[in-house]
Amino acid sequence: MSISRCLMASMPSAPTPGRCRRNSPASSSASSRSIARPRPPVYAPGALFSVGDAHAAQGHGEVDLTAIETALRGKFQLIVRKDLKLTWPRAETATHWIVMGLNPNLEEAMKIAVRETILFITQRFPKLSREEAYMIASVAVDYHVTQVVDGSKGIHGMIPKAIFVGQN
């Protein structure tokens, strides 16, 4: 996937992953089709959207530039959410909220993903403190390596919705 003018989207594979172009954690859940609602930040007025480089199969954590490439068709509905002020892309499935972090250093990518977890939890559930969100990140969030190719390392965190039943 390539993104023009620095708009990110959650679809498999991107040249030079980062805040403006990146791989998504599509293989992190049961199937790549389960990422129902990607929430990419838009950094520039008039940003364009482009998607491509579809993978029919790829393991968890892309380790080289090889996957089973395929042609796909899709329908996309883009909704601009000016109320969301995101630094890094997020996504949502029926069962999880997904946060991401990318950096040339894998440890830094993990730190970004954990910070995004804490930020997401405290924004979504304002009664929880940063310390409580940090504890949740440690005991309930599953972090996965999204990719280690293209000079950028990616981590995504799967925050289970089920642990927040009855919370608002």
C-alpha atoms as a PDB file:
ATOM      1  CA  MET A   1       0.000   0.000   0.000  1.00  0.00           C
ATOM      2  CA  SER A   2       1.247   3.437  -0.682  1.00  0.00           C
ATOM      3  CA  ILE A   3      -0.195   6.579   0.739  1.00  0.00           C
ATOM      4  CA  SER A   4       0.124   9.948  -0.911  1.00  0.00           C
ATOM      5  CA  ARG A   5       0.582  13.143   1.096  1.00  0.00           C
ATOM      6  CA  CYS A   6       1.001  11.275   4.352  1.00  0.00           C
ATOM      7  CA  LEU A   7      -2.363   9.600   4.931  1.00  0.00           C
ATOM      8  CA  MET A   8      -2.095   6.200   6.571  1.00  0.00           C
ATOM      9  CA  ALA A   9      -4.508   3.348   6.183  1.00  0.00           C
ATOM     10  CA  SER A  10      -4.709  -0.105   7.691  1.00  0.00           C
ATOM     11  CA  MET A  11      -4.214  -2.478   4.814  1.00  0.00           C
ATOM     12  CA  PRO A  12      -1.521  -5.095   4.247  1.00  0.00           C
ATOM     13  CA  SER A  13       1.938  -3.986   3.200  1.00  0.00           C
ATOM     14  CA  ALA A  14       3.419  -0.593   2.572  1.00  0.00           C
ATOM     15  CA  PRO A  15       6.735   0.594   1.171  1.00  0.00           C
ATOM     16  CA  THR A  16       8.807   2.334   3.814  1.00  0.00           C
ATOM     17  CA  PRO A  17       6.517   1.824   6.798  1.00  0.00           C
ATOM     18  CA  GLY A  18       6.192   4.662   9.268  1.00  0.00           C
ATOM     19  CA  ARG A  19       3.664   7.295  10.219  1.00  0.00           C
ATOM     20  CA  CYS A  20       2.891   8.014   6.566  1.00  0.00           C
ATOM     21  CA  ARG A  21       3.353   4.586   5.002  1.00  0.00           C
ATOM     22  CA  ARG A  22       3.187   1.349   6.841  1.00  0.00           C
ATOM     23  CA  ASN A  23       2.273  -2.288   7.090  1.00  0.00           C
ATOM     24  CA  SER A  24      -0.767  -3.089   9.119  1.00  0.00           C
ATOM     25  CA  PRO A  25      -1.181  -5.862  11.661  1.00  0.00           C
ATOM     26  CA  ALA A  26      -3.693  -7.583   9.378  1.00  0.00           C
ATOM     27  CA  SER A  27      -2.415 -11.071  10.100  1.00  0.00           C
ATOM     28  CA  SER A  28      -2.619 -10.423  13.836  1.00  0.00           C
ATOM     29  CA  SER A  29      -6.171 -11.590  14.178  1.00  0.00           C
ATOM     30  CA  ALA A  30      -8.164 -14.483  12.807  1.00  0.00           C
ATOM     31  CA  SER A  31      -8.005 -13.123   9.281  1.00  0.00           C
ATOM     32  CA  SER A  32      -6.968  -9.964   7.523  1.00  0.00           C
ATOM     33  CA  ARG A  33     -10.633  -9.281   6.843  1.00  0.00           C
ATOM     34  CA  SER A  34     -11.249  -8.833  10.566  1.00  0.00           C
ATOM     35  CA  ILE A  35      -9.791  -5.321  10.671  1.00  0.00           C
ATOM     36  CA  ALA A  36     -13.121  -3.661  10.265  1.00  0.00           C
ATOM     37  CA  ARG A  37     -12.430  -0.061  11.118  1.00  0.00           C
ATOM     38  CA  PRO A  38      -8.943   1.330  10.604  1.00  0.00           C
ATOM     39  CA  ARG A  39      -8.380   4.792  12.053  1.00  0.00           C
ATOM     40  CA  PRO A  40      -5.376   6.375  10.363  1.00  0.00           C
ATOM     41  CA  PRO A  41      -4.287   9.908  11.219  1.00  0.00           C
ATOM     42  CA  VAL A  42      -4.315  12.435   8.391  1.00  0.00           C
ATOM     43  CA  TYR A  43      -1.394  14.850   8.524  1.00  0.00           C
ATOM     44  CA  ALA A  44      -2.058  17.080   5.531  1.00  0.00           C
ATOM     45  CA  PRO A  45      -5.085  18.912   4.161  1.00  0.00           C
ATOM     46  CA  GLY A  46      -6.227  17.289   0.940  1.00  0.00           C
ATOM     47  CA  ALA A  47      -4.462  14.008   1.709  1.00  0.00           C
ATOM     48  CA  LEU A  48      -5.002  11.233  -0.808  1.00  0.00           C
ATOM     49  CA  PHE A  49      -5.769   7.546  -0.221  1.00  0.00           C
ATOM     50  CA  SER A  50      -4.175   4.659  -2.071  1.00  0.00           C
ATOM     51  CA  VAL A  51      -4.114   0.956  -1.311  1.00  0.00           C
ATOM     52  CA  GLY A  52      -2.318  -1.943  -2.926  1.00  0.00           C
ATOM     53  CA  ASP A  53       0.219  -4.761  -2.581  1.00  0.00           C
ATOM     54  CA  ALA A  54      -2.367  -7.239  -1.350  1.00  0.00           C
ATOM     55  CA  HIS A  55      -1.165 -10.416   0.328  1.00  0.00           C
ATOM     56  CA  ALA A  56      -3.177 -13.630   0.160  1.00  0.00           C
ATOM     57  CA  ALA A  57      -0.994 -15.010   2.937  1.00  0.00           C
ATOM     58  CA  GLN A  58       1.759 -13.742   5.181  1.00  0.00           C
ATOM     59  CA  GLY A  59       3.009 -14.897   8.546  1.00  0.00           C
ATOM     60  CA  HIS A  60       2.733 -12.883  11.728  1.00  0.00           C
ATOM     61  CA  GLY A  61       5.490 -10.285  11.564  1.00  0.00           C
ATOM     62  CA  GLU A  62       6.701  -9.738   8.019  1.00  0.00           C
ATOM     63  CA  VAL A  63      10.405 -10.654   7.999  1.00  0.00           C
ATOM     64  CA  ASP A  64      11.319 -10.075   4.361  1.00  0.00           C
ATOM     65  CA  LEU A  65       9.656  -8.733   1.256  1.00  0.00           C
ATOM     66  CA  THR A  66       8.123 -12.107   0.384  1.00  0.00           C
ATOM     67  CA  ALA A  67       4.449 -12.948   0.811  1.00  0.00           C
ATOM     68  CA  ILE A  68       1.874 -14.560  -1.414  1.00  0.00           C
ATOM     69  CA  GLU A  69       0.998 -11.590  -3.580  1.00  0.00           C
ATOM     70  CA  THR A  70      -2.464 -11.400  -5.096  1.00  0.00           C
ATOM     71  CA  ALA A  71      -4.909  -9.111  -6.817  1.00  0.00           C
ATOM     72  CA  LEU A  72      -7.891  -8.027  -4.747  1.00  0.00           C
ATOM     73  CA  ARG A  73     -10.903  -5.829  -5.235  1.00  0.00           C
ATOM     74  CA  GLY A  74     -12.456  -3.865  -2.461  1.00  0.00           C
ATOM     75  CA  LYS A  75     -14.876  -1.146  -1.558  1.00  0.00           C
ATOM     76  CA  PHE A  76     -13.740   1.559   0.807  1.00  0.00           C
ATOM     77  CA  GLN A  77     -15.744   4.162   2.632  1.00  0.00           C
ATOM     78  CA  LEU A  78     -13.611   6.985   4.009  1.00  0.00           C
ATOM     79  CA  ILE A  79     -14.994   9.048   6.863  1.00  0.00           C
ATOM     80  CA  VAL A  80     -12.972  11.978   8.154  1.00  0.00           C
ATOM     81  CA  ARG A  81     -13.132  12.044  11.966  1.00  0.00           C
ATOM     82  CA  LYS A  82     -11.935  15.470  13.032  1.00  0.00           C
ATOM     83  CA  ASP A  83     -12.747  14.580  16.645  1.00  0.00           C
ATOM     84  CA  LEU A  84      -9.974  11.954  16.701  1.00  0.00           C
ATOM     85  CA  LYS A  85      -6.556  13.459  17.277  1.00  0.00           C
ATOM     86  CA  LEU A  86      -4.222  10.560  16.554  1.00  0.00           C
ATOM     87  CA  THR A  87      -0.459  10.490  16.287  1.00  0.00           C
ATOM     88  CA  TRP A  88      -0.264   6.824  15.246  1.00  0.00           C
ATOM     89  CA  PRO A  89      -2.825   4.729  13.404  1.00  0.00           C
ATOM     90  CA  ARG A  90      -5.321   2.657  15.315  1.00  0.00           C
ATOM     91  CA  ALA A  91      -7.788   0.003  14.245  1.00  0.00           C
ATOM     92  CA  GLU A  92     -10.725  -1.833  15.703  1.00  0.00           C
ATOM     93  CA  THR A  93     -12.188  -5.298  15.253  1.00  0.00           C
ATOM     94  CA  ALA A  94     -15.282  -6.771  16.842  1.00  0.00           C
ATOM     95  CA  THR A  95     -13.158  -8.080  19.726  1.00  0.00           C
ATOM     96  CA  HIS A  96     -10.112  -5.763  19.990  1.00  0.00           C
ATOM     97  CA  TRP A  97      -8.842  -2.224  19.741  1.00  0.00           C
ATOM     98  CA  ILE A  98      -5.443  -2.139  18.032  1.00  0.00           C
ATOM     99  CA  VAL A  99      -2.638   0.347  18.694  1.00  0.00           C
ATOM    100  CA  MET A 100       0.615   0.562  16.774  1.00  0.00           C
ATOM    101  CA  GLY A 101       4.187   1.746  16.996  1.00  0.00           C
ATOM    102  CA  LEU A 102       6.843   1.863  14.283  1.00  0.00           C
ATOM    103  CA  ASN A 103      10.504   2.775  14.562  1.00  0.00           C
ATOM    104  CA  PRO A 104      13.818   1.579  13.087  1.00  0.00           C
ATOM    105  CA  ASN A 105      14.581   0.248  16.598  1.00  0.00           C
ATOM    106  CA  LEU A 106      12.268  -2.585  17.739  1.00  0.00           C
ATOM    107  CA  GLU A 107      12.519  -1.571  21.397  1.00  0.00           C
ATOM    108  CA  GLU A 108      11.471   1.993  20.521  1.00  0.00           C
ATOM    109  CA  ALA A 109       8.568   0.647  18.434  1.00  0.00           C
ATOM    110  CA  MET A 110       7.430  -1.305  21.500  1.00  0.00           C
ATOM    111  CA  LYS A 111       7.665   1.785  23.703  1.00  0.00           C
ATOM    112  CA  ILE A 112       5.528   3.712  21.217  1.00  0.00           C
ATOM    113  CA  ALA A 113       2.927   0.917  21.161  1.00  0.00           C
ATOM    114  CA  VAL A 114       2.792   0.798  24.969  1.00  0.00           C
ATOM    115  CA  ARG A 115       2.455   4.606  25.181  1.00  0.00           C
ATOM    116  CA  GLU A 116      -0.337   4.437  22.606  1.00  0.00           C
ATOM    117  CA  THR A 117      -2.016   1.731  24.721  1.00  0.00           C
ATOM    118  CA  ILE A 118      -1.906   3.907  27.831  1.00  0.00           C
ATOM    119  CA  LEU A 119      -3.180   6.926  25.908  1.00  0.00           C
ATOM    120  CA  PHE A 120      -6.003   4.952  24.301  1.00  0.00           C
ATOM    121  CA  ILE A 121      -7.165   3.364  27.563  1.00  0.00           C
ATOM    122  CA  THR A 122      -7.105   6.613  29.550  1.00  0.00           C
ATOM    123  CA  GLN A 123      -8.948   8.494  26.788  1.00  0.00           C
ATOM    124  CA  ARG A 124     -11.551   5.774  26.318  1.00  0.00           C
ATOM    125  CA  PHE A 125     -11.977   5.144  30.049  1.00  0.00           C
ATOM    126  CA  PRO A 126     -11.215   8.453  31.813  1.00  0.00           C
ATOM    127  CA  LYS A 127     -11.765   6.982  35.298  1.00  0.00           C
ATOM    128  CA  LEU A 128      -8.654   4.854  34.837  1.00  0.00           C
ATOM    129  CA  SER A 129      -5.307   6.399  35.737  1.00  0.00           C
ATOM    130  CA  ARG A 130      -2.180   6.183  33.583  1.00  0.00           C
ATOM    131  CA  GLU A 131      -0.723   3.767  36.140  1.00  0.00           C
ATOM    132  CA  GLU A 132      -3.785   1.501  35.903  1.00  0.00           C
ATOM    133  CA  ALA A 133      -3.637   1.641  32.102  1.00  0.00           C
ATOM    134  CA  TYR A 134       0.055   0.703  32.258  1.00  0.00           C
ATOM    135  CA  MET A 135      -0.802  -2.305  34.438  1.00  0.00           C
ATOM    136  CA  ILE A 136      -3.504  -3.349  31.961  1.00  0.00           C
ATOM    137  CA  ALA A 137      -0.955  -3.035  29.146  1.00  0.00           C
ATOM    138  CA  SER A 138       1.292  -5.446  30.990  1.00  0.00           C
ATOM    139  CA  VAL A 139      -1.241  -8.095  32.003  1.00  0.00           C
ATOM    140  CA  ALA A 140      -3.966  -8.030  29.346  1.00  0.00           C
ATOM    141  CA  VAL A 141      -2.684  -6.566  26.063  1.00  0.00           C
ATOM    142  CA  ASP A 142      -1.058  -8.874  23.527  1.00  0.00           C
ATOM    143  CA  TYR A 143       1.815  -7.218  21.662  1.00  0.00           C
ATOM    144  CA  HIS A 144       3.004  -8.654  18.360  1.00  0.00           C
ATOM    145  CA  VAL A 145       5.772  -7.842  15.930  1.00  0.00           C
ATOM    146  CA  THR A 146       3.996  -6.485  12.860  1.00  0.00           C
ATOM    147  CA  GLN A 147       7.044  -6.358  10.633  1.00  0.00           C
ATOM    148  CA  VAL A 148      10.821  -6.045  10.538  1.00  0.00           C
ATOM    149  CA  VAL A 149      11.384  -5.141   6.878  1.00  0.00           C
ATOM    150  CA  ASP A 150      12.043  -1.904   5.008  1.00  0.00           C
ATOM    151  CA  GLY A 151      14.270  -0.561   7.774  1.00  0.00           C
ATOM    152  CA  SER A 152      11.289  -0.047  10.080  1.00  0.00           C
ATOM    153  CA  LYS A 153      10.174  -2.329  12.887  1.00  0.00           C
ATOM    154  CA  GLY A 154       6.522  -2.508  13.858  1.00  0.00           C
ATOM    155  CA  ILE A 155       4.692  -3.547  17.007  1.00  0.00           C
ATOM    156  CA  HIS A 156       0.942  -3.654  17.432  1.00  0.00           C
ATOM    157  CA  GLY A 157      -0.984  -4.143  20.623  1.00  0.00           C
ATOM    158  CA  MET A 158      -4.272  -6.044  20.741  1.00  0.00           C
ATOM    159  CA  ILE A 159      -6.419  -4.577  23.532  1.00  0.00           C
ATOM    160  CA  PRO A 160      -9.263  -7.012  24.307  1.00  0.00           C
ATOM    161  CA  LYS A 161     -12.651  -5.320  24.595  1.00  0.00           C
ATOM    162  CA  ALA A 162     -13.963  -8.094  26.831  1.00  0.00           C
ATOM    163  CA  ILE A 163     -11.939  -6.917  29.851  1.00  0.00           C
ATOM    164  CA  PHE A 164     -13.800  -3.596  29.842  1.00  0.00           C
ATOM    165  CA  VAL A 165     -17.343  -4.953  30.041  1.00  0.00           C
ATOM    166  CA  GLY A 166     -19.420  -2.646  32.228  1.00  0.00           C
ATOM    167  CA  GLN A 167     -16.791   0.133  32.163  1.00  0.00           C
ATOM    168  CA  ASN A 168     -17.508   3.620  30.849  1.00  0.00           C
END
